[in-house]
Amino acid sequence: MPEHAHYRDDDIVNPETRHEDSDVNVRALLWSVVIFVVFAFVTHAVLYLQFHAYAKHFRNESSQPLTMMAPPSKVPPTPRLQPFPNKLVNGQDLPPNTNTPLTDMADMRAAEEKELNTPGWVDKQKGVVRLPIETAKQLVVQRGLPVVQP
């Protein structure tokens, strides 16, 4: 029988129960961690080199158009994207970066407010007009809603 350690009198001791030292193979566990780290490093290195190779390839390729659409023959109406140059009154071109999306939005909203608050013709032949909102509200209150025949 193995030697017994000295215990207090009230401890319950089973002398046949010992620590199991063959549960985990620590060497295999460490090798799997090392292999995982090496595999992760190699994978990231390959992806990094592949990305830079593709970036270099496509940066040098200028013969392909960016899109199959033909470039616009005239500048589209406002608000437009920034790459289009703007003409000044005296005929000079403004560089495309003088207008920003914020100034374009402010100009567009000012034009919409002007349209909402000034009367004008929508279709003169059909007799369709554009009225300011407050004027249209007053006319509806005075005349009532139009009755449409079914």
C-alpha atoms as a PDB file:
ATOM      1  CA  MET A   1       0.000   0.000   0.000  1.00  0.00           C
ATOM      2  CA  PRO A   2       1.348   3.492  -0.859  1.00  0.00           C
ATOM      3  CA  GLU A   3       2.423   5.829   1.822  1.00  0.00           C
ATOM      4  CA  HIS A   4      -0.327   8.005   3.113  1.00  0.00           C
ATOM      5  CA  ALA A   5      -0.164  11.715   3.598  1.00  0.00           C
ATOM      6  CA  HIS A   6      -1.167  12.973   6.962  1.00  0.00           C
ATOM      7  CA  TYR A   7      -4.689  14.382   6.992  1.00  0.00           C
ATOM      8  CA  ARG A   8      -6.856  15.864   9.619  1.00  0.00           C
ATOM      9  CA  ASP A   9      -9.057  13.421  11.392  1.00  0.00           C
ATOM     10  CA  ASP A  10     -12.310  14.653   9.858  1.00  0.00           C
ATOM     11  CA  ASP A  11     -11.135  14.483   6.180  1.00  0.00           C
ATOM     12  CA  ILE A  12     -12.488  11.729   3.992  1.00  0.00           C
ATOM     13  CA  VAL A  13      -9.613  10.138   2.110  1.00  0.00           C
ATOM     14  CA  ASN A  14      -9.677   7.466  -0.572  1.00  0.00           C
ATOM     15  CA  PRO A  15      -6.136   6.174  -0.999  1.00  0.00           C
ATOM     16  CA  GLU A  16      -6.914   4.589  -4.397  1.00  0.00           C
ATOM     17  CA  THR A  17      -7.861   7.943  -5.998  1.00  0.00           C
ATOM     18  CA  ARG A  18      -4.979   9.867  -7.503  1.00  0.00           C
ATOM     19  CA  HIS A  19      -4.367  12.635 -10.077  1.00  0.00           C
ATOM     20  CA  GLU A  20      -4.745  11.456 -13.670  1.00  0.00           C
ATOM     21  CA  ASP A  21      -1.712  12.702 -15.596  1.00  0.00           C
ATOM     22  CA  SER A  22      -2.470  11.127 -18.971  1.00  0.00           C
ATOM     23  CA  ASP A  23      -5.616  13.106 -19.933  1.00  0.00           C
ATOM     24  CA  VAL A  24      -4.156  15.861 -22.149  1.00  0.00           C
ATOM     25  CA  ASN A  25      -1.201  15.538 -24.481  1.00  0.00           C
ATOM     26  CA  VAL A  26       0.348  18.966 -23.890  1.00  0.00           C
ATOM     27  CA  ARG A  27       2.963  18.483 -26.588  1.00  0.00           C
ATOM     28  CA  ALA A  28       0.302  17.862 -29.283  1.00  0.00           C
ATOM     29  CA  LEU A  29      -1.722  20.814 -28.029  1.00  0.00           C
ATOM     30  CA  LEU A  30       1.268  23.162 -28.290  1.00  0.00           C
ATOM     31  CA  TRP A  31       2.124  21.865 -31.775  1.00  0.00           C
ATOM     32  CA  SER A  32      -1.441  22.507 -32.946  1.00  0.00           C
ATOM     33  CA  VAL A  33      -1.251  26.101 -31.663  1.00  0.00           C
ATOM     34  CA  VAL A  34       2.102  26.637 -33.397  1.00  0.00           C
ATOM     35  CA  ILE A  35       0.770  25.185 -36.664  1.00  0.00           C
ATOM     36  CA  PHE A  36      -2.345  27.395 -36.438  1.00  0.00           C
ATOM     37  CA  VAL A  37      -0.263  30.560 -35.898  1.00  0.00           C
ATOM     38  CA  VAL A  38       2.086  29.708 -38.788  1.00  0.00           C
ATOM     39  CA  PHE A  39      -0.877  28.950 -41.083  1.00  0.00           C
ATOM     40  CA  ALA A  40      -2.560  32.253 -40.140  1.00  0.00           C
ATOM     41  CA  PHE A  41       0.661  34.186 -40.802  1.00  0.00           C
ATOM     42  CA  VAL A  42       1.213  32.513 -44.187  1.00  0.00           C
ATOM     43  CA  THR A  43      -2.416  33.108 -45.202  1.00  0.00           C
ATOM     44  CA  HIS A  44      -2.265  36.798 -44.308  1.00  0.00           C
ATOM     45  CA  ALA A  45       1.063  37.221 -46.099  1.00  0.00           C
ATOM     46  CA  VAL A  46      -0.284  35.600 -49.282  1.00  0.00           C
ATOM     47  CA  LEU A  47      -3.433  37.769 -49.215  1.00  0.00           C
ATOM     48  CA  TYR A  48      -1.351  40.919 -48.630  1.00  0.00           C
ATOM     49  CA  LEU A  49       0.967  40.153 -51.556  1.00  0.00           C
ATOM     50  CA  GLN A  50      -1.960  39.201 -53.801  1.00  0.00           C
ATOM     51  CA  PHE A  51      -3.811  42.440 -53.007  1.00  0.00           C
ATOM     52  CA  HIS A  52      -0.789  44.588 -53.816  1.00  0.00           C
ATOM     53  CA  ALA A  53      -0.117  42.660 -57.035  1.00  0.00           C
ATOM     54  CA  TYR A  54      -3.697  43.205 -58.210  1.00  0.00           C
ATOM     55  CA  ALA A  55      -3.601  46.871 -57.174  1.00  0.00           C
ATOM     56  CA  LYS A  56      -0.363  47.414 -59.130  1.00  0.00           C
ATOM     57  CA  HIS A  57      -1.772  45.576 -62.155  1.00  0.00           C
ATOM     58  CA  PHE A  58      -4.995  47.581 -62.283  1.00  0.00           C
ATOM     59  CA  ARG A  59      -3.309  50.898 -61.489  1.00  0.00           C
ATOM     60  CA  ASN A  60      -1.071  50.532 -64.568  1.00  0.00           C
ATOM     61  CA  GLU A  61      -3.917  49.451 -66.847  1.00  0.00           C
ATOM     62  CA  SER A  62      -5.228  52.715 -68.331  1.00  0.00           C
ATOM     63  CA  SER A  63      -6.473  51.439 -71.709  1.00  0.00           C
ATOM     64  CA  GLN A  64      -9.720  50.053 -70.313  1.00  0.00           C
ATOM     65  CA  PRO A  65     -12.545  52.544 -69.821  1.00  0.00           C
ATOM     66  CA  LEU A  66     -14.003  52.749 -66.347  1.00  0.00           C
ATOM     67  CA  THR A  67     -17.456  52.162 -67.761  1.00  0.00           C
ATOM     68  CA  MET A  68     -18.990  51.098 -71.045  1.00  0.00           C
ATOM     69  CA  MET A  69     -21.131  54.249 -71.118  1.00  0.00           C
ATOM     70  CA  ALA A  70     -20.043  57.063 -73.390  1.00  0.00           C
ATOM     71  CA  PRO A  71     -18.920  60.234 -71.628  1.00  0.00           C
ATOM     72  CA  PRO A  72     -21.660  62.871 -71.504  1.00  0.00           C
ATOM     73  CA  SER A  73     -21.677  65.303 -74.398  1.00  0.00           C
ATOM     74  CA  LYS A  74     -23.058  68.071 -72.224  1.00  0.00           C
ATOM     75  CA  VAL A  75     -23.054  68.730 -68.520  1.00  0.00           C
ATOM     76  CA  PRO A  76     -26.136  67.323 -66.763  1.00  0.00           C
ATOM     77  CA  PRO A  77     -28.503  69.638 -64.858  1.00  0.00           C
ATOM     78  CA  THR A  78     -27.821  70.639 -61.269  1.00  0.00           C
ATOM     79  CA  PRO A  79     -27.333  69.201 -58.733  1.00  0.00           C
ATOM     80  CA  ARG A  80     -24.642  67.106 -60.335  1.00  0.00           C
ATOM     81  CA  LEU A  81     -21.608  65.185 -59.260  1.00  0.00           C
ATOM     82  CA  GLN A  82     -18.447  67.170 -58.694  1.00  0.00           C
ATOM     83  CA  PRO A  83     -16.212  66.059 -61.596  1.00  0.00           C
ATOM     84  CA  PHE A  84     -18.057  68.245 -64.117  1.00  0.00           C
ATOM     85  CA  PRO A  85     -16.551  71.733 -64.474  1.00  0.00           C
ATOM     86  CA  ASN A  86     -18.910  74.701 -64.134  1.00  0.00           C
ATOM     87  CA  LYS A  87     -18.971  77.690 -66.494  1.00  0.00           C
ATOM     88  CA  LEU A  88     -18.720  81.184 -65.092  1.00  0.00           C
ATOM     89  CA  VAL A  89     -20.594  84.121 -66.630  1.00  0.00           C
ATOM     90  CA  ASN A  90     -17.457  85.310 -68.441  1.00  0.00           C
ATOM     91  CA  GLY A  91     -16.856  81.853 -69.943  1.00  0.00           C
ATOM     92  CA  GLN A  92     -14.094  80.640 -67.656  1.00  0.00           C
ATOM     93  CA  ASP A  93     -14.219  77.170 -66.146  1.00  0.00           C
ATOM     94  CA  LEU A  94     -14.404  76.749 -62.416  1.00  0.00           C
ATOM     95  CA  PRO A  95     -12.428  73.806 -61.134  1.00  0.00           C
ATOM     96  CA  PRO A  96     -14.717  70.942 -60.127  1.00  0.00           C
ATOM     97  CA  ASN A  97     -13.790  71.163 -56.461  1.00  0.00           C
ATOM     98  CA  THR A  98     -15.152  74.698 -55.901  1.00  0.00           C
ATOM     99  CA  ASN A  99     -18.664  73.324 -55.520  1.00  0.00           C
ATOM    100  CA  THR A 100     -19.178  70.921 -52.692  1.00  0.00           C
ATOM    101  CA  PRO A 101     -22.129  68.645 -52.018  1.00  0.00           C
ATOM    102  CA  LEU A 102     -23.185  71.072 -49.274  1.00  0.00           C
ATOM    103  CA  THR A 103     -23.288  74.063 -51.619  1.00  0.00           C
ATOM    104  CA  ASP A 104     -25.043  71.974 -54.279  1.00  0.00           C
ATOM    105  CA  MET A 105     -27.689  70.940 -51.737  1.00  0.00           C
ATOM    106  CA  ALA A 106     -28.153  74.541 -50.595  1.00  0.00           C
ATOM    107  CA  ASP A 107     -28.535  75.727 -54.217  1.00  0.00           C
ATOM    108  CA  MET A 108     -31.018  72.944 -54.982  1.00  0.00           C
ATOM    109  CA  ARG A 109     -33.123  73.736 -51.903  1.00  0.00           C
ATOM    110  CA  ALA A 110     -33.111  77.458 -52.707  1.00  0.00           C
ATOM    111  CA  ALA A 111     -34.335  76.686 -56.240  1.00  0.00           C
ATOM    112  CA  GLU A 112     -37.075  74.403 -54.855  1.00  0.00           C
ATOM    113  CA  GLU A 113     -38.173  77.065 -52.349  1.00  0.00           C
ATOM    114  CA  LYS A 114     -38.326  79.638 -55.148  1.00  0.00           C
ATOM    115  CA  GLU A 115     -40.493  77.278 -57.222  1.00  0.00           C
ATOM    116  CA  LEU A 116     -42.792  76.583 -54.272  1.00  0.00           C
ATOM    117  CA  ASN A 117     -43.296  80.237 -53.396  1.00  0.00           C
ATOM    118  CA  THR A 118     -43.617  81.914 -56.824  1.00  0.00           C
ATOM    119  CA  PRO A 119     -46.449  81.463 -59.344  1.00  0.00           C
ATOM    120  CA  GLY A 120     -45.666  80.250 -62.840  1.00  0.00           C
ATOM    121  CA  TRP A 121     -46.857  78.195 -65.777  1.00  0.00           C
ATOM    122  CA  VAL A 122     -46.452  74.417 -65.710  1.00  0.00           C
ATOM    123  CA  ASP A 123     -48.203  73.878 -69.090  1.00  0.00           C
ATOM    124  CA  LYS A 124     -49.501  77.044 -70.771  1.00  0.00           C
ATOM    125  CA  GLN A 125     -51.366  75.165 -73.539  1.00  0.00           C
ATOM    126  CA  LYS A 126     -53.382  73.094 -71.035  1.00  0.00           C
ATOM    127  CA  GLY A 127     -53.812  76.018 -68.627  1.00  0.00           C
ATOM    128  CA  VAL A 128     -51.909  74.355 -65.747  1.00  0.00           C
ATOM    129  CA  VAL A 129     -50.305  76.815 -63.360  1.00  0.00           C
ATOM    130  CA  ARG A 130     -48.077  76.559 -60.318  1.00  0.00           C
ATOM    131  CA  LEU A 131     -49.236  78.527 -57.261  1.00  0.00           C
ATOM    132  CA  PRO A 132     -47.519  79.184 -53.956  1.00  0.00           C
ATOM    133  CA  ILE A 133     -48.693  76.793 -51.257  1.00  0.00           C
ATOM    134  CA  GLU A 134     -50.301  79.463 -49.066  1.00  0.00           C
ATOM    135  CA  THR A 135     -52.236  80.894 -52.039  1.00  0.00           C
ATOM    136  CA  ALA A 136     -53.454  77.424 -53.007  1.00  0.00           C
ATOM    137  CA  LYS A 137     -54.635  76.782 -49.427  1.00  0.00           C
ATOM    138  CA  GLN A 138     -56.577  80.063 -49.384  1.00  0.00           C
ATOM    139  CA  LEU A 139     -58.235  79.261 -52.725  1.00  0.00           C
ATOM    140  CA  VAL A 140     -59.312  75.823 -51.468  1.00  0.00           C
ATOM    141  CA  VAL A 141     -60.789  77.385 -48.325  1.00  0.00           C
ATOM    142  CA  GLN A 142     -62.646  80.032 -50.380  1.00  0.00           C
ATOM    143  CA  ARG A 143     -63.877  77.837 -53.233  1.00  0.00           C
ATOM    144  CA  GLY A 144     -63.972  74.420 -51.599  1.00  0.00           C
ATOM    145  CA  LEU A 145     -62.563  71.190 -52.995  1.00  0.00           C
ATOM    146  CA  PRO A 146     -63.324  70.539 -56.669  1.00  0.00           C
ATOM    147  CA  VAL A 147     -66.046  67.960 -57.351  1.00  0.00           C
ATOM    148  CA  VAL A 148     -65.009  65.339 -59.878  1.00  0.00           C
ATOM    149  CA  GLN A 149     -67.720  63.501 -61.801  1.00  0.00           C
ATOM    150  CA  PRO A 150     -67.345  59.707 -61.755  1.00  0.00           C
END
